[in-house]
Every structure is written in C-alpha cells, then in structure tokens.
Protein backbone atom coordinates (compact mmCIF):
# COMPACT_ATOMS: atom_id res chain seq x y z
CA MET A 1 4.80 34.40 16.32
CA THR A 2 3.85 31.48 14.07
CA THR A 3 4.34 27.84 14.88
CA PRO A 4 7.01 26.22 12.70
CA VAL A 5 5.63 23.74 10.20
CA ALA A 6 7.05 20.22 10.32
CA ALA A 7 7.97 19.24 6.80
CA LEU A 8 9.35 16.10 5.25
CA ARG A 9 10.95 15.57 1.88
CA LEU A 10 9.91 12.09 0.82
CA LEU A 11 10.39 10.31 -2.46
CA SER A 12 7.84 7.83 -3.75
CA LEU A 13 10.37 5.21 -4.83
CA GLY A 14 8.99 2.85 -7.45
CA ALA A 15 12.52 1.55 -8.19
CA GLY A 16 12.16 2.43 -11.87
CA VAL A 17 14.44 4.69 -13.87
CA GLN A 18 12.96 8.05 -12.82
CA SER A 19 12.72 7.50 -9.07
CA THR A 20 16.11 5.74 -9.01
CA VAL A 21 17.74 8.77 -10.65
CA LEU A 22 16.01 11.15 -8.22
CA LEU A 23 17.26 9.11 -5.26
CA MET A 24 20.79 9.05 -6.66
CA LEU A 25 20.80 12.80 -7.34
CA ALA A 26 19.55 13.53 -3.82
CA ALA A 27 22.17 11.17 -2.35
CA GLU A 28 24.90 13.01 -4.31
CA GLY A 29 23.61 16.38 -3.08
CA ARG A 30 22.65 17.50 -6.58
CA LEU A 31 19.01 17.76 -5.46
CA PRO A 32 17.70 18.85 -2.06
CA GLY A 33 18.18 16.20 0.61
CA LEU A 34 15.55 13.60 1.35
CA ASP A 35 14.20 12.59 4.72
CA GLY A 36 13.26 9.21 3.29
CA ALA A 37 12.01 7.24 0.34
CA ILE A 38 8.89 5.08 0.41
CA PHE A 39 8.62 1.92 -1.68
CA ALA A 40 5.03 0.65 -1.91
CA ASP A 41 5.36 -3.08 -2.49
CA THR A 42 2.49 -4.64 -4.44
CA GLY A 43 3.89 -8.09 -3.73
CA GLY A 44 4.02 -8.81 -7.43
CA GLU A 45 7.23 -7.21 -8.64
CA PRO A 46 9.80 -9.29 -10.53
CA ASP A 47 12.79 -10.49 -8.49
CA ALA A 48 15.01 -8.04 -10.39
CA VAL A 49 13.07 -5.09 -8.88
CA TYR A 50 13.64 -6.33 -5.31
CA GLU A 51 17.33 -6.99 -6.08
CA HIS A 52 17.66 -3.47 -7.53
CA LEU A 53 15.92 -2.00 -4.47
CA ASP A 54 18.24 -3.89 -2.09
CA LYS A 55 21.28 -2.62 -4.00
CA LEU A 56 19.93 0.97 -4.04
CA GLU A 57 19.35 0.83 -0.32
CA ALA A 58 22.78 -0.58 0.49
CA GLU A 59 24.90 1.39 -1.96
CA VAL A 60 23.06 4.70 -2.38
CA ALA A 61 20.48 5.42 0.32
CA LYS A 62 22.18 4.15 3.50
CA PRO A 63 25.54 5.85 2.82
CA ALA A 64 23.64 9.12 2.22
CA GLY A 65 21.55 8.70 5.40
CA ILE A 66 18.29 8.30 3.48
CA PRO A 67 16.04 5.62 5.02
CA ILE A 68 13.94 3.53 2.65
CA TYR A 69 10.55 2.57 4.07
CA ARG A 70 9.02 -0.54 2.51
CA VAL A 71 5.27 -0.53 2.90
CA SER A 72 2.53 -2.82 1.61
CA ASN A 73 -1.20 -3.24 1.53
CA GLY A 74 -1.09 -6.90 0.56
CA SER A 75 -0.24 -8.85 -2.55
CA ILE A 76 -1.98 -7.75 -5.73
CA GLU A 77 -1.36 -11.16 -7.32
CA LYS A 78 -2.82 -13.07 -4.38
CA ASP A 79 -5.78 -10.74 -4.08
CA VAL A 80 -6.81 -10.94 -7.74
CA LEU A 81 -6.91 -14.73 -7.60
CA ASP A 82 -8.64 -15.00 -4.22
CA PRO A 83 -12.46 -15.14 -4.50
CA ASP A 84 -12.75 -13.73 -0.97
CA GLN A 85 -10.80 -10.56 -1.81
CA GLN A 86 -12.17 -7.49 -3.47
CA ARG A 87 -10.45 -7.16 -6.80
CA SER A 88 -9.40 -3.68 -7.77
CA LEU A 89 -7.22 -3.98 -10.82
CA PRO A 90 -8.36 -3.75 -14.43
CA ALA A 91 -8.19 -7.49 -15.15
CA HIS A 92 -10.09 -8.72 -18.18
CA THR A 93 -12.79 -11.23 -17.31
CA ARG A 94 -15.20 -13.62 -18.99
CA ASP A 95 -18.43 -14.67 -17.31
CA PRO A 96 -18.40 -18.51 -17.29
CA GLU A 97 -22.19 -18.69 -17.63
CA THR A 98 -22.89 -16.05 -20.28
CA GLY A 99 -19.51 -15.85 -22.00
CA GLU A 100 -19.70 -12.05 -21.69
CA ASP A 101 -16.39 -10.19 -21.60
CA GLY A 102 -15.81 -7.53 -18.98
CA MET A 103 -13.23 -5.75 -16.88
CA LEU A 104 -12.88 -5.46 -13.13
CA ASN A 105 -13.09 -2.07 -11.42
CA ARG A 106 -9.73 -0.29 -11.27
CA ARG A 107 -8.58 0.98 -7.88
CA CYS A 108 -5.23 -0.77 -7.69
CA THR A 109 -3.09 2.37 -7.60
CA GLN A 110 -5.10 3.71 -4.68
CA THR A 111 -5.14 0.38 -2.84
CA TYR A 112 -1.61 -0.89 -3.37
CA LYS A 113 0.40 2.33 -3.82
CA LEU A 114 -1.23 5.53 -2.51
CA THR A 115 -2.87 4.17 0.66
CA PRO A 116 0.30 2.60 2.10
CA ILE A 117 2.43 5.61 1.06
CA LEU A 118 0.03 8.07 2.70
CA ARG A 119 -0.20 5.90 5.83
CA GLN A 120 3.60 5.86 6.18
CA THR A 121 3.81 9.61 5.50
CA ARG A 122 1.27 10.31 8.25
CA LEU A 123 3.21 8.12 10.68
CA LEU A 124 6.46 9.92 9.84
CA LEU A 125 4.72 13.25 10.49
CA GLY A 126 3.72 12.05 13.97
CA ALA A 127 0.19 10.76 13.45
CA ALA A 128 -1.09 8.44 16.14
CA THR A 129 -2.49 4.98 15.47
CA SER A 130 -5.62 3.86 17.23
CA ASP A 131 -5.64 0.75 19.35
CA PRO A 132 -6.91 -2.12 17.24
CA SER A 133 -10.69 -2.36 17.41
CA PRO A 134 -12.94 -5.15 16.17
CA CYS A 135 -13.61 -5.01 12.45
CA ARG A 136 -17.21 -3.90 11.93
CA TYR A 137 -17.50 -5.85 8.66
CA CYS A 138 -16.85 -9.27 10.23
CA GLU A 139 -17.74 -8.29 13.82
CA GLY A 140 -14.23 -9.25 14.93
CA SER A 141 -14.44 -12.85 13.73
CA GLY A 142 -12.05 -12.50 10.79
CA GLU A 143 -14.60 -14.19 8.51
CA ARG A 144 -17.58 -12.92 6.57
CA VAL A 145 -19.69 -13.60 3.53
CA ALA A 146 -18.26 -11.29 0.90
CA PRO A 147 -20.96 -9.02 -0.56
CA TRP A 148 -20.02 -9.98 -4.12
CA ARG A 149 -20.59 -13.64 -3.20
CA ALA A 150 -23.86 -12.94 -1.39
CA LYS A 151 -25.08 -11.14 -4.50
CA ARG A 152 -24.69 -14.44 -6.38
CA GLY A 153 -26.43 -16.38 -3.61
CA ASP A 154 -23.19 -17.92 -2.31
CA LEU A 155 -23.35 -17.60 1.50
CA THR A 156 -20.07 -19.40 2.18
CA PRO A 157 -18.01 -17.36 4.65
CA GLY A 158 -14.39 -16.67 3.86
CA PRO A 159 -11.62 -14.50 5.24
CA CYS A 160 -12.66 -10.87 5.74
CA SER A 161 -11.06 -8.74 3.04
CA VAL A 162 -11.34 -5.56 5.11
CA CYS A 163 -9.23 -6.64 8.10
CA ASN A 164 -7.29 -9.33 6.21
CA ALA A 165 -8.86 -12.01 8.42
CA THR A 166 -7.38 -10.60 11.64
CA GLY A 167 -10.72 -9.47 13.07
CA PHE A 168 -9.22 -6.09 14.03
CA LEU A 169 -8.50 -2.72 12.45
CA ALA A 170 -6.07 -0.04 13.58
CA ARG A 171 -6.43 3.39 12.02
CA VAL A 172 -3.76 6.00 11.44
CA GLY A 173 -5.04 9.45 12.31
CA GLN A 174 -4.16 12.84 10.92
CA PRO A 175 -0.73 14.26 11.68
CA PRO A 176 -0.58 16.89 14.42
CA GLY A 177 -1.64 20.39 13.43
CA GLY A 178 1.03 22.21 11.49
CA ALA A 179 2.79 19.05 10.36
C-alpha cells in the first residue's frame, strides 16, 4: 500500500491579466479548483495593482473559498536605493568616479517573487520553521559592514541585509515526505 501524496493546487497570482483570468475561471469552476493563490509583493507595485488585488480577493476569491496569501521578501524600491542592501535588479548604473556605465546583477525574480512563493508553498505543505537563530553574517547584532562596502574600503557598519537588521534568521525546512 502506498502513502497518499499531499498535493496543493496553488496559483502564482501576479494580479495581471493572465493570473486574474485563471483565478476567475477556477472560482467559476471552469478550471480545477484552487487551494490558494499566492501574491508575491515586491513592495513597489502601483496603487491600482493593490486595489485590483483587494477587489479580486473580496469579490472572486473569498466567495469561492480560495484564500489569497500575500507574501513578501522586502521592498524592491527601498532595497535598490539603500547602500546597505544587496541590489539584485538590472538597474543601469554610472560609476561616479570613472563615468563608466554598467548594470547591476539581476536576481530580482528569485529574491522578490520565487523565494517568498516557495517559502509559503512549503509552509502550506506542512514544512516546519526553525526557531530563530543568530544571523551568522552579523553575529546576531543586526549590523555589519556590507562586503560591497568593505571592497571599496568603507568600513561603516549598516543594517545587515541578510537578516534585515533583526539579528536572527528562521529557516523553513522541506515539507514532510510525500507532500
């Protein structure tokens, strides 16, 4: 006898045309039912997106019994402007000393969309979270000299970008076997 596999039907809800239509079709029963929809908030969406999401939740998802999980890994706008945060979006740059043009490393989809969606998915599948432990990058202080600053000789400590200045990290483990 095999162990039943726990399965979830989740929608990555970006609140654009495609994911909105998928949510509406599932709510109407024209597509297989959903166990939830996950909106990964970058913190930089226009007000109209949040208004649309609120309306979708109230008028479509809740009446159909589809919970919407709003998750975030910080504000992309705040992070790109903060010299103590690692920047991970393809912003165009100009070196103030050399005048050289460049572009920042692109990892924004992973950081601000996929990571929080996968974290929430694991939690919904029953994954355990560890008790918060001291951040190894700032030794639990919440402050550190960012490596990109140290490289330039700037040893001014700032908020730790790994633990978001809390001094602690809690990890989400793997879901139970079979989930």
